[in-house]
Amino acid sequence: MKFDVAIVGSGLAGLSVALHLANTRKVAIISKRKLKDGASSWAQGGIAAVLDSGDSHEQHIADTLVAGAGLCDEPATRFIIEQGRSAIDWLIEQGVPFTPDATAELGFHLTREGGHSQRRIIHAADATGAAVQATLEQLVRKHPNISLFENHCAIDLIMSDRLGEKGKNTTSQPQCYGLYVQDERTGKVHTFAAEQTILATGGAGKVYLYTTNPDTATGDVIAMAWRATARSGSRCGRAFHVEI
C-alpha cells in the first residue's frame, strides 16, 4: 500500500495532523485498536490557552516555567503557548462542543486550575478529551483522502540504511520509506510505503504494574524510533517525525 503520509497513532495528535494534511495528500492512520482506545479520550479537565484579553502569553509562560521547576524547555514552552489560541480556534471550527459561557469574551467557559494565575482552561464539561476525540474521529471517518487501519500494529520503520542504501538527494542521512504493519485480525504483515511517516502515539505507561494509561500504551513506537535513530547515529531521521 502506498500513501503520501502514514500516521501511526489515532489520538488527538494523529487525527489533528491527518485532517490538516488530507486536503492535499493521501493519508493513512494506523491504530493498534479502535481510534478511540488511546489515552486522548481519557483526558478530563480541559486545555490551557490564552483566550481572554486579561491574560497574556508572558503570564502563561511564566506560570508554566514556575510549575515546571526548571524542567521546561523555554523555547518549546513559548512556541506551544503562543500557538494555543490558533489551535483552540481550529478545534472550535471543527465543531468541538466546548462548554459555552455567554459572559466570556470567546463565548466559552474558562476555568482556573493549579499552577495558573488566570482562568484559561477551556473545556467540554469534565470530559474534554472524549469530546475532542469524538469530533475529530467523525471528521476523519468521512474524509475521502484518509484511510483508517484499526486493529493494525506498527512493527518497524523501513529505513534506507537497513536496506543497504544511502539516503536520497546525495545525503548520508538515512531515509524512511514507510513501515511494516501487522493486521491483528489476520496476522498478515503489510508494507506501507509513504513519503512521510509520522509517529503520533502515546507513551509506555504499561511497562509499570500500576498506571492510569490505557492498555495500548506499551511504547512500541518509541522503540521503533529508537531503533531507527540508533542505526543512523542521529536523534531523528529526516523523513519521519515524532510526536509522543
Protein backbone atom coordinates (compact mmCIF):
# COMPACT_ATOMS: atom_id res chain seq x y z
CA MET A 1 0.00 0.00 0.00
CA LYS A 2 1.28 3.44 -0.89
CA PHE A 3 0.39 6.77 0.75
CA ASP A 4 1.74 10.29 0.82
CA VAL A 5 1.68 10.25 4.63
CA ALA A 6 1.44 7.35 7.09
CA ILE A 7 0.45 8.33 10.63
CA VAL A 8 0.94 5.87 13.48
CA GLY A 9 -1.44 6.72 16.32
CA SER A 10 -5.10 7.71 16.42
CA GLY A 11 -5.24 10.10 19.38
CA LEU A 12 -5.69 13.84 19.12
CA ALA A 13 -2.18 14.35 17.70
CA GLY A 14 -2.65 11.80 14.92
CA LEU A 15 -6.19 12.83 14.00
CA SER A 16 -5.32 16.53 14.00
CA VAL A 17 -2.33 16.19 11.68
CA ALA A 18 -4.34 13.89 9.39
CA LEU A 19 -7.08 16.48 8.98
CA HIS A 20 -4.53 19.23 8.33
CA LEU A 21 -2.85 17.21 5.57
CA ALA A 22 -5.68 15.27 3.96
CA ASN A 23 -6.99 18.02 1.69
CA THR A 24 -3.82 17.80 -0.39
CA ARG A 25 -2.40 14.36 0.45
CA LYS A 26 -3.39 10.72 0.64
CA VAL A 27 -3.18 9.81 4.34
CA ALA A 28 -3.21 6.53 6.28
CA ILE A 29 -3.96 6.37 10.02
CA ILE A 30 -2.71 3.22 11.73
CA SER A 31 -4.27 2.38 15.10
CA LYS A 32 -3.39 -0.56 17.33
CA ARG A 33 -7.03 -0.84 18.47
CA LYS A 34 -10.05 1.33 17.65
CA LEU A 35 -9.50 5.03 17.09
CA LYS A 36 -10.93 5.93 20.50
CA ASP A 37 -8.95 3.39 22.52
CA GLY A 38 -5.93 5.58 23.29
CA ALA A 39 -5.32 7.99 26.16
CA SER A 40 -6.78 11.10 24.50
CA SER A 41 -10.36 10.14 25.29
CA TRP A 42 -9.47 9.79 28.97
CA ALA A 43 -8.38 13.42 29.40
CA GLN A 44 -10.92 15.26 31.54
CA GLY A 45 -10.07 18.76 32.73
CA GLY A 46 -9.51 20.88 29.65
CA ILE A 47 -6.95 22.71 27.50
CA ALA A 48 -4.90 25.68 28.70
CA ALA A 49 -4.54 28.65 26.33
CA VAL A 50 -4.61 32.44 26.44
CA LEU A 51 -8.21 33.13 25.46
CA ASP A 52 -9.04 36.35 27.31
CA SER A 53 -7.71 39.92 26.97
CA GLY A 54 -6.97 39.97 30.70
CA ASP A 55 -4.44 37.20 30.20
CA SER A 56 -1.18 37.19 28.22
CA HIS A 57 1.36 34.83 26.70
CA GLU A 58 4.01 36.12 29.07
CA GLN A 59 1.86 35.30 32.12
CA HIS A 60 1.12 31.83 30.78
CA ILE A 61 4.79 31.20 30.00
CA ALA A 62 5.84 32.39 33.45
CA ASP A 63 3.25 30.15 35.14
CA THR A 64 4.42 27.17 33.10
CA LEU A 65 8.11 27.70 33.83
CA VAL A 66 7.41 28.00 37.56
CA ALA A 67 5.25 24.88 37.58
CA GLY A 68 7.90 23.05 35.54
CA ALA A 69 10.51 23.65 38.27
CA GLY A 70 13.35 24.12 35.81
CA LEU A 71 12.49 21.13 33.62
CA CYS A 72 10.74 23.05 30.81
CA ASP A 73 12.43 23.76 27.51
CA GLU A 74 11.76 27.50 27.33
CA PRO A 75 11.69 27.92 23.51
CA ALA A 76 9.31 24.96 23.20
CA THR A 77 7.15 26.32 26.02
CA ARG A 78 6.93 29.73 24.34
CA PHE A 79 6.09 28.25 20.93
CA ILE A 80 3.33 25.99 22.27
CA ILE A 81 1.73 28.76 24.33
CA GLU A 82 1.88 31.31 21.53
CA GLN A 83 0.15 28.85 19.19
CA GLY A 84 -2.53 27.94 21.75
CA ARG A 85 -5.23 30.35 20.59
CA SER A 86 -4.98 29.30 16.94
CA ALA A 87 -5.19 25.63 17.95
CA ILE A 88 -8.33 26.27 20.02
CA ASP A 89 -9.87 28.31 17.19
CA TRP A 90 -9.26 25.36 14.85
CA LEU A 91 -10.93 22.93 17.25
CA ILE A 92 -13.93 25.25 17.52
CA GLU A 93 -14.13 25.39 13.72
CA GLN A 94 -14.19 21.57 13.64
CA GLY A 95 -17.25 21.62 15.90
CA VAL A 96 -15.82 20.59 19.28
CA PRO A 97 -18.65 21.23 21.81
CA PHE A 98 -16.80 23.26 24.43
CA THR A 99 -18.93 24.40 27.38
CA PRO A 100 -20.48 27.77 26.48
CA ASP A 101 -20.50 30.93 28.60
CA ALA A 102 -22.32 33.96 27.18
CA THR A 103 -20.43 36.30 29.52
CA ALA A 104 -16.96 35.23 28.34
CA GLU A 105 -15.10 37.07 25.55
CA LEU A 106 -14.74 33.96 23.43
CA GLY A 107 -18.19 32.66 24.35
CA PHE A 108 -16.91 29.60 26.19
CA HIS A 109 -16.46 28.90 29.88
CA LEU A 110 -12.90 29.12 31.23
CA THR A 111 -11.76 27.56 34.47
CA ARG A 112 -8.62 28.09 36.53
CA GLU A 113 -6.54 25.09 37.54
CA GLY A 114 -3.48 24.58 39.73
CA GLY A 115 -0.39 26.47 38.62
CA HIS A 116 -2.33 29.02 36.57
CA SER A 117 -2.68 32.65 37.58
CA GLN A 118 -5.61 33.23 35.20
CA ARG A 119 -8.76 31.47 34.08
CA ARG A 120 -7.51 29.93 30.84
CA ILE A 121 -8.79 26.34 30.77
CA ILE A 122 -11.36 25.79 28.01
CA HIS A 123 -13.28 22.55 28.49
CA ALA A 124 -16.21 20.40 27.45
CA ALA A 125 -17.86 19.74 30.82
CA ASP A 126 -15.44 17.32 32.54
CA ALA A 127 -14.82 15.09 29.52
CA THR A 128 -12.83 17.35 27.22
CA GLY A 129 -10.61 14.69 25.69
CA ALA A 130 -13.57 12.48 24.82
CA ALA A 131 -15.42 15.40 23.21
CA VAL A 132 -12.46 16.45 21.07
CA GLN A 133 -11.64 12.86 20.12
CA ALA A 134 -15.23 12.09 19.10
CA THR A 135 -15.47 15.24 16.99
CA LEU A 136 -12.23 14.66 15.10
CA GLU A 137 -12.98 10.94 14.70
CA GLN A 138 -16.23 11.75 12.90
CA LEU A 139 -14.35 14.03 10.53
CA VAL A 140 -11.56 11.58 9.67
CA ARG A 141 -14.02 8.73 9.11
CA LYS A 142 -15.81 10.64 6.36
CA HIS A 143 -12.77 12.28 4.73
CA PRO A 144 -12.18 10.79 1.25
CA ASN A 145 -8.38 11.12 1.44
CA ILE A 146 -7.99 9.36 4.80
CA SER A 147 -7.75 5.58 5.05
CA LEU A 148 -8.20 4.05 8.51
CA PHE A 149 -6.44 0.89 9.62
CA GLU A 150 -7.82 -0.05 13.02
CA ASN A 151 -6.54 -3.14 14.84
CA HIS A 152 -3.25 -2.80 12.98
CA CYS A 153 0.02 -2.82 14.93
CA ALA A 154 3.11 -0.98 13.67
CA ILE A 155 6.14 -3.28 13.72
CA ASP A 156 9.11 -1.32 12.41
CA LEU A 157 10.16 1.57 10.20
CA ILE A 158 11.61 0.86 6.76
CA MET A 159 14.94 2.70 6.79
CA SER A 160 17.27 3.06 3.82
CA ASP A 161 20.33 2.01 5.81
CA ARG A 162 18.72 -1.29 6.71
CA LEU A 163 18.07 -1.84 3.00
CA GLY A 164 21.73 -1.17 2.29
CA GLU A 165 21.06 2.16 0.60
CA LYS A 166 22.39 5.63 1.19
CA GLY A 167 19.98 8.47 1.80
CA LYS A 168 18.30 10.25 -1.08
CA ASN A 169 19.44 13.58 -2.51
CA THR A 170 23.15 12.68 -2.11
CA THR A 171 22.95 12.90 1.70
CA SER A 172 24.31 10.24 4.03
CA GLN A 173 21.32 10.70 6.34
CA PRO A 174 19.18 7.52 6.26
CA GLN A 175 15.69 7.97 4.88
CA CYS A 176 12.40 6.43 5.99
CA TYR A 177 10.36 4.79 3.24
CA GLY A 178 7.37 3.81 5.41
CA LEU A 179 6.78 0.97 7.82
CA TYR A 180 5.72 -2.63 8.32
CA VAL A 181 2.30 -3.12 9.90
CA GLN A 182 0.56 -6.27 11.13
CA ASP A 183 -3.18 -6.77 10.74
CA GLU A 184 -4.02 -8.17 14.17
CA ARG A 185 -7.14 -9.96 12.90
CA THR A 186 -5.41 -11.96 10.16
CA GLY A 187 -1.82 -11.91 11.39
CA LYS A 188 -0.58 -10.76 7.97
CA VAL A 189 2.18 -8.15 7.77
CA HIS A 190 1.72 -5.39 5.21
CA THR A 191 4.17 -2.86 3.79
CA PHE A 192 3.02 0.76 4.00
CA ALA A 193 5.10 2.86 1.62
CA ALA A 194 4.97 6.57 2.43
CA GLU A 195 6.88 9.72 1.54
CA GLN A 196 6.45 10.90 5.13
CA THR A 197 5.89 8.80 8.25
CA ILE A 198 4.59 10.49 11.40
CA LEU A 199 4.80 8.80 14.80
CA ALA A 200 1.96 10.20 16.91
CA THR A 201 1.48 7.63 19.64
CA GLY A 202 1.33 7.66 23.41
CA GLY A 203 3.90 6.68 25.96
CA ALA A 204 4.96 3.48 27.69
CA GLY A 205 2.91 3.62 30.89
CA LYS A 206 2.01 -0.07 30.68
CA VAL A 207 5.59 -1.08 31.44
CA TYR A 208 4.63 -0.32 35.04
CA LEU A 209 2.42 -2.52 37.16
CA TYR A 210 0.19 0.38 38.19
CA THR A 211 -0.72 3.11 35.70
CA THR A 212 -3.70 5.16 34.60
CA ASN A 213 -2.61 4.72 30.97
CA PRO A 214 -4.72 2.55 28.63
CA ASP A 215 -3.56 -0.93 27.64
CA THR A 216 -2.34 0.42 24.30
CA ALA A 217 0.46 2.47 25.95
CA THR A 218 3.18 -0.15 25.54
CA GLY A 219 5.89 2.00 23.95
CA ASP A 220 6.06 0.14 20.63
CA VAL A 221 6.67 3.25 18.55
CA ILE A 222 9.19 4.69 20.99
CA ALA A 223 11.19 1.52 20.42
CA MET A 224 10.75 1.85 16.64
CA ALA A 225 12.08 5.42 16.72
CA TRP A 226 15.00 4.37 18.94
CA ARG A 227 15.96 1.55 16.59
CA ALA A 228 15.89 3.91 13.60
CA THR A 229 17.92 6.66 15.27
CA ALA A 230 20.36 4.22 16.85
CA ARG A 231 21.19 2.85 13.40
CA SER A 232 21.57 6.29 11.85
CA GLY A 233 23.51 7.75 14.76
CA SER A 234 21.28 10.83 14.85
CA ARG A 235 18.43 12.00 17.06
CA CYS A 236 15.76 11.72 14.38
CA GLY A 237 15.70 10.60 10.76
CA ARG A 238 14.81 13.38 8.31
CA ALA A 239 11.92 11.56 6.72
CA PHE A 240 9.94 10.69 9.81
CA HIS A 241 8.58 12.83 12.61
CA VAL A 242 7.95 12.02 16.25
CA GLU A 243 5.04 13.37 18.31
CA ILE A 244 4.80 11.35 21.52
